[in-house]
Protein backbone atom coordinates (compact mmCIF):
# COMPACT_ATOMS: atom_id res chain seq x y z
CA UNK A 1 -6.04 25.71 30.47
CA UNK A 2 -5.88 22.03 29.54
CA UNK A 3 -2.54 20.39 29.05
CA UNK A 4 -2.04 17.98 26.22
CA UNK A 5 -1.01 14.61 27.67
CA UNK A 6 2.49 13.46 26.72
CA UNK A 7 2.81 10.89 23.96
CA UNK A 8 3.12 7.30 25.03
CA UNK A 9 6.60 5.80 24.59
CA UNK A 10 5.44 3.67 21.63
CA UNK A 11 3.95 6.72 19.90
CA UNK A 12 7.13 8.69 20.58
CA UNK A 13 9.18 5.87 19.02
CA UNK A 14 6.90 5.76 15.96
CA UNK A 15 7.13 9.54 15.63
CA UNK A 16 10.93 9.41 15.78
CA UNK A 17 11.03 6.57 13.23
CA UNK A 18 8.76 8.52 10.87
CA UNK A 19 10.80 11.72 11.28
CA UNK A 20 13.94 9.70 10.54
CA UNK A 21 12.37 8.30 7.33
CA UNK A 22 11.23 11.78 6.28
CA UNK A 23 14.68 13.28 7.01
CA UNK A 24 16.29 10.53 4.92
CA UNK A 25 13.88 11.28 2.06
CA UNK A 26 14.65 15.02 2.28
CA UNK A 27 18.39 14.32 2.14
CA UNK A 28 17.89 12.04 -0.88
CA UNK A 29 15.88 14.75 -2.66
CA UNK A 30 18.68 17.28 -2.10
CA UNK A 31 21.26 14.85 -3.49
CA UNK A 32 19.26 13.66 -6.50
CA UNK A 33 16.95 16.55 -7.35
CA UNK A 34 13.88 14.35 -6.90
CA UNK A 35 10.50 15.91 -6.27
CA UNK A 36 9.44 16.77 -2.72
CA UNK A 37 5.90 15.90 -3.84
CA UNK A 38 7.03 12.45 -4.99
CA UNK A 39 8.59 11.86 -1.57
CA UNK A 40 5.29 12.83 0.09
CA UNK A 41 3.34 10.48 -2.18
CA UNK A 42 5.83 7.69 -1.45
CA UNK A 43 5.30 8.37 2.26
CA UNK A 44 1.52 8.10 1.87
CA UNK A 45 1.91 4.82 -0.02
CA UNK A 46 4.18 3.53 2.75
CA UNK A 47 1.74 4.61 5.49
CA UNK A 48 -1.28 3.08 3.73
CA UNK A 49 0.54 -0.22 3.45
CA UNK A 50 2.77 -0.48 6.53
CA UNK A 51 1.33 1.80 9.17
CA UNK A 52 1.14 5.18 10.80
CA UNK A 53 -1.75 6.08 8.54
CA UNK A 54 -4.05 8.72 9.98
CA UNK A 55 -7.23 6.68 9.54
CA UNK A 56 -6.23 3.57 11.49
CA UNK A 57 -4.56 0.24 10.75
CA UNK A 58 -2.81 -0.16 7.43
CA UNK A 59 -2.77 -3.29 5.27
CA UNK A 60 0.22 -5.03 6.88
CA UNK A 61 -0.91 -4.11 10.39
CA UNK A 62 -4.25 -5.77 9.65
CA UNK A 63 -2.58 -8.92 8.33
CA UNK A 64 -0.36 -9.44 11.40
CA UNK A 65 -2.66 -11.99 13.06
CA UNK A 66 -4.22 -13.50 9.93
CA UNK A 67 -3.45 -17.15 9.15
CA UNK A 68 -3.99 -18.96 5.85
CA UNK A 69 -7.41 -20.35 6.78
CA UNK A 70 -8.66 -16.92 7.80
CA UNK A 71 -7.11 -15.28 4.73
CA UNK A 72 -8.80 -17.77 2.38
CA UNK A 73 -12.22 -17.73 4.09
CA UNK A 74 -15.20 -16.06 2.46
CA UNK A 75 -17.63 -15.11 5.25
CA UNK A 76 -19.69 -12.82 3.01
CA UNK A 77 -21.50 -13.88 -0.13
CA UNK A 78 -20.15 -12.28 -3.30
CA UNK A 79 -17.16 -10.78 -1.49
CA UNK A 80 -13.48 -11.43 -1.97
CA UNK A 81 -11.38 -13.11 0.70
CA UNK A 82 -8.60 -11.32 2.55
CA UNK A 83 -6.10 -13.32 0.49
CA UNK A 84 -7.72 -12.28 -2.79
CA UNK A 85 -7.63 -8.64 -1.65
CA UNK A 86 -3.91 -8.93 -0.85
CA UNK A 87 -3.21 -10.38 -4.31
CA UNK A 88 -5.36 -7.62 -5.84
CA UNK A 89 -3.37 -4.91 -4.01
CA UNK A 90 -0.14 -6.41 -5.34
CA UNK A 91 -1.59 -6.58 -8.85
CA UNK A 92 -2.41 -2.86 -8.82
CA UNK A 93 0.93 -1.87 -7.29
CA UNK A 94 2.51 -3.76 -10.17
CA UNK A 95 0.14 -2.14 -12.68
CA UNK A 96 1.29 1.25 -11.39
CA UNK A 97 4.90 0.27 -12.08
CA UNK A 98 4.02 -0.98 -15.57
CA UNK A 99 2.34 2.35 -16.29
CA UNK A 100 5.34 4.26 -14.89
CA UNK A 101 7.43 2.17 -17.29
CA UNK A 102 5.51 3.73 -20.19
CA UNK A 103 3.13 0.88 -21.02
CA UNK A 104 -0.66 0.83 -21.06
CA UNK A 105 -2.09 -1.45 -18.42
CA UNK A 106 -5.67 -2.21 -17.45
CA UNK A 107 -6.24 -5.23 -15.26
CA UNK A 108 -9.30 -7.38 -15.86
CA UNK A 109 -10.48 -10.83 -14.84
CA UNK A 110 -7.92 -12.96 -13.05
CA UNK A 111 -5.22 -10.32 -13.58
CA UNK A 112 -7.34 -7.97 -11.47
CA UNK A 113 -8.29 -10.49 -8.76
CA UNK A 114 -5.89 -13.43 -8.96
CA UNK A 115 -7.08 -16.74 -7.55
CA UNK A 116 -5.62 -18.31 -4.44
CA UNK A 117 -3.88 -21.45 -5.66
CA UNK A 118 -3.24 -23.40 -2.45
CA UNK A 119 -4.51 -22.22 0.92
CA UNK A 120 -1.49 -23.31 2.94
CA UNK A 121 0.44 -21.33 5.56
CA UNK A 122 3.54 -21.35 3.34
CA UNK A 123 1.57 -20.07 0.34
CA UNK A 124 -0.05 -17.34 2.49
CA UNK A 125 3.33 -16.17 3.84
CA UNK A 126 4.71 -16.19 0.29
CA UNK A 127 1.78 -14.09 -0.98
CA UNK A 128 2.27 -11.52 1.77
CA UNK A 129 6.05 -11.43 1.20
CA UNK A 130 5.62 -10.97 -2.56
CA UNK A 131 3.06 -8.22 -1.98
CA UNK A 132 5.52 -6.47 0.35
CA UNK A 133 8.31 -6.71 -2.25
CA UNK A 134 6.07 -5.33 -4.98
CA UNK A 135 4.91 -2.48 -2.76
CA UNK A 136 8.46 -1.64 -1.64
CA UNK A 137 9.60 -1.51 -5.26
CA UNK A 138 6.73 0.84 -6.14
CA UNK A 139 7.52 3.16 -3.21
CA UNK A 140 11.20 3.29 -4.21
CA UNK A 141 10.29 4.15 -7.82
CA UNK A 142 7.79 6.81 -6.73
CA UNK A 143 10.24 8.46 -4.32
CA UNK A 144 12.69 8.94 -7.22
CA UNK A 145 10.23 10.69 -9.56
CA UNK A 146 10.61 14.29 -10.66
CA UNK A 147 7.85 16.90 -10.60
CA UNK A 148 7.69 16.82 -14.40
CA UNK A 149 7.26 13.03 -14.36
CA UNK A 150 4.38 13.32 -11.87
CA UNK A 151 2.61 15.65 -14.33
CA UNK A 152 3.03 13.34 -17.34
CA UNK A 153 -0.06 11.60 -18.61
CA UNK A 154 -0.48 7.91 -17.75
CA UNK A 155 -0.31 5.82 -20.96
CA UNK A 156 -3.85 5.24 -22.24
CA UNK A 157 -5.49 7.40 -19.53
CA UNK A 158 -6.81 10.96 -19.22
CA UNK A 159 -4.96 11.65 -15.96
CA UNK A 160 -1.38 12.10 -14.83
CA UNK A 161 0.90 10.05 -12.56
CA UNK A 162 0.22 12.39 -9.64
CA UNK A 163 -3.45 11.36 -9.81
CA UNK A 164 -2.65 7.67 -10.35
CA UNK A 165 -0.26 7.42 -7.41
CA UNK A 166 -2.63 9.13 -4.99
CA UNK A 167 -5.27 6.73 -6.29
CA UNK A 168 -3.08 3.72 -5.51
CA UNK A 169 -2.70 4.91 -1.90
CA UNK A 170 -6.46 5.44 -1.66
CA UNK A 171 -7.04 2.02 -3.21
CA UNK A 172 -4.90 0.34 -0.56
CA UNK A 173 -6.76 2.15 2.23
CA UNK A 174 -10.10 1.14 0.73
CA UNK A 175 -9.07 -2.51 0.74
CA UNK A 176 -7.57 -2.17 4.23
CA UNK A 177 -11.10 -1.26 5.35
CA UNK A 178 -12.50 -4.34 3.65
CA UNK A 179 -9.86 -6.52 5.29
CA UNK A 180 -10.74 -5.04 8.68
CA UNK A 181 -14.42 -5.87 8.17
CA UNK A 182 -13.65 -9.40 6.97
CA UNK A 183 -11.49 -9.95 10.04
CA UNK A 184 -14.37 -8.84 12.30
CA UNK A 185 -16.58 -11.40 10.59
CA UNK A 186 -13.96 -14.16 10.95
CA UNK A 187 -12.01 -13.58 14.16
CA UNK A 188 -14.10 -13.54 17.34
């Protein structure tokens, strides 16, 4: 019979941190009557963006060693830069909040893929910080949703918020993969 090796200390710490976050969410649901499903979706959004995602590195984990020059570079023809992808992720997190606020929202053109204004270290750090704030706000809103709200139709769409919010998590993972590939092309 094979024994499963013990978890490394860093994995044990991550597991404890995640259990702590989940316990906090469960306690909040009991106090507020929020949906357990909404808490699970919020957790998936958090994992896709910050880490502990099943698939591999999340968005922020991938950005840890990226500087402004790397973020702005375009190593592949007809592909977006890492920076443009980060701005795009923020745009769609915000679009999700607009839709949750009851408004129709469909991003196109520069609203969908905003341009990088100045490729400086300060501007890069600001873009990442603003993307974090937008994402954190979305996760907080999602965690507070009720089951009935998750089943409401998204304004102007043929699907509900449950579908939209899972789609946002999937969207972030999709772009995390693109960022990982761009980094391989840029960082030896």
